């Protein structure tokens, strides 16, 4: 498939992208991500490998658009945000304020 990333045309194929990413350890994901061969990579890391350009030369949206057209599963930064921790009950809050962290240990499953 022909696509343009950072004003340069590329002919990308799904199998070539998968082969390019073999043996490359995924970096921690902080923004947009793509799933390649059951591994989750940051989009900028994949873009750098497949285009051989500096990450500052292209946007993650350009790479997401190209990888989505190739059939890869892409996740945006908004969907990668973890769910907030459940709020403490009033009893747990009072227990922590009084110096008895047993309420939080029992809740997290670390009780002795």
Protein backbone atom coordinates (compact mmCIF):
# COMPACT_ATOMS: atom_id res chain seq x y z
CA UNK A 1 0.00 0.00 0.00
CA UNK A 2 1.29 3.42 -0.86
CA UNK A 3 1.21 6.02 1.92
CA UNK A 4 2.85 9.32 2.76
CA UNK A 5 4.61 9.82 6.08
CA UNK A 6 6.49 13.05 6.79
CA UNK A 7 6.00 14.14 3.15
CA UNK A 8 7.80 11.03 1.84
CA UNK A 9 6.00 8.25 -0.06
CA UNK A 10 6.34 4.67 1.19
CA UNK A 11 5.14 1.33 -0.18
CA UNK A 12 4.22 -0.61 2.95
CA UNK A 13 3.03 -4.19 3.27
CA UNK A 14 1.73 -5.81 6.43
CA UNK A 15 4.21 -8.70 6.25
CA UNK A 16 7.15 -6.31 5.81
CA UNK A 17 6.12 -4.26 8.83
CA UNK A 18 5.83 -7.45 10.91
CA UNK A 19 9.26 -8.61 9.71
CA UNK A 20 10.79 -5.20 10.49
CA UNK A 21 9.52 -5.33 14.08
CA UNK A 22 10.70 -8.90 14.78
CA UNK A 23 13.35 -8.91 17.47
CA UNK A 24 12.68 -5.31 18.50
CA UNK A 25 11.73 -4.91 22.15
CA UNK A 26 8.67 -2.66 22.63
CA UNK A 27 9.29 0.54 24.54
CA UNK A 28 6.86 1.62 27.27
CA UNK A 29 3.65 2.99 25.74
CA UNK A 30 2.80 6.55 26.77
CA UNK A 31 0.69 7.63 23.81
CA UNK A 32 -0.72 6.01 20.71
CA UNK A 33 0.04 2.30 20.32
CA UNK A 34 -0.21 -0.45 17.71
CA UNK A 35 -0.44 -4.23 18.13
CA UNK A 36 2.01 -6.14 15.93
CA UNK A 37 2.40 -9.89 16.37
CA UNK A 38 0.71 -9.82 19.79
CA UNK A 39 3.10 -7.13 21.06
CA UNK A 40 2.08 -3.55 21.81
CA UNK A 41 4.47 -0.95 20.41
CA UNK A 42 4.39 2.84 20.62
CA UNK A 43 3.39 4.19 17.21
CA UNK A 44 6.40 6.50 17.06
CA UNK A 45 8.77 3.54 17.60
CA UNK A 46 7.19 1.62 14.72
CA UNK A 47 7.24 4.71 12.51
CA UNK A 48 10.93 5.22 13.18
CA UNK A 49 11.73 1.61 12.25
CA UNK A 50 9.65 1.42 9.07
CA UNK A 51 10.56 4.87 7.72
CA UNK A 52 14.14 5.11 9.05
CA UNK A 53 13.39 8.72 9.99
CA UNK A 54 13.68 10.56 13.26
CA UNK A 55 10.53 10.46 15.40
CA UNK A 56 10.30 14.23 15.35
CA UNK A 57 9.86 14.22 11.56
CA UNK A 58 6.38 12.67 11.54
CA UNK A 59 3.23 12.67 13.65
CA UNK A 60 1.76 9.62 15.32
CA UNK A 61 -1.49 10.27 13.42
CA UNK A 62 0.28 9.70 10.09
CA UNK A 63 1.62 6.34 11.25
CA UNK A 64 -1.70 5.32 12.85
CA UNK A 65 -3.49 6.10 9.59
CA UNK A 66 -1.04 4.00 7.55
CA UNK A 67 -0.98 1.05 9.97
CA UNK A 68 -4.77 1.03 10.29
CA UNK A 69 -5.10 0.80 6.50
CA UNK A 70 -2.71 -2.17 6.57
CA UNK A 71 -5.00 -3.92 9.06
CA UNK A 72 -3.14 -3.44 12.34
CA UNK A 73 -5.02 -2.71 15.56
CA UNK A 74 -4.19 0.81 16.74
CA UNK A 75 -5.05 2.33 20.10
CA UNK A 76 -5.21 6.05 20.68
CA UNK A 77 -3.76 7.68 23.77
CA UNK A 78 -7.25 8.28 25.19
CA UNK A 79 -8.12 4.57 25.10
CA UNK A 80 -4.76 3.60 26.62
CA UNK A 81 -5.44 5.51 29.86
CA UNK A 82 -6.06 3.06 32.71
CA UNK A 83 -9.29 3.23 34.68
CA UNK A 84 -9.06 5.18 37.94
CA UNK A 85 -8.70 3.23 41.16
CA UNK A 86 -11.96 2.71 43.07
CA UNK A 87 -12.62 5.31 45.75
CA UNK A 88 -12.10 4.40 49.37
CA UNK A 89 -15.09 3.94 51.60
CA UNK A 90 -15.47 6.33 54.55
CA UNK A 91 -14.37 3.53 56.90
CA UNK A 92 -11.18 2.90 54.90
CA UNK A 93 -10.40 6.62 54.77
CA UNK A 94 -10.82 6.98 58.54
CA UNK A 95 -8.69 3.91 59.14
CA UNK A 96 -5.83 5.30 57.03
CA UNK A 97 -6.07 8.72 58.69
CA UNK A 98 -5.88 7.11 62.12
CA UNK A 99 -2.77 5.19 61.16
CA UNK A 100 -4.24 1.74 60.66
CA UNK A 101 -3.52 0.75 57.05
CA UNK A 102 -5.12 -2.67 57.57
CA UNK A 103 -8.20 -1.55 55.65
CA UNK A 104 -6.19 -0.89 52.49
CA UNK A 105 -4.15 -4.11 52.83
CA UNK A 106 -7.31 -6.21 53.07
CA UNK A 107 -8.74 -4.45 50.03
CA UNK A 108 -5.70 -5.04 47.84
CA UNK A 109 -5.46 -8.70 48.82
CA UNK A 110 -2.12 -8.32 50.64
CA UNK A 111 -3.48 -9.27 54.04
CA UNK A 112 -1.39 -11.60 56.19
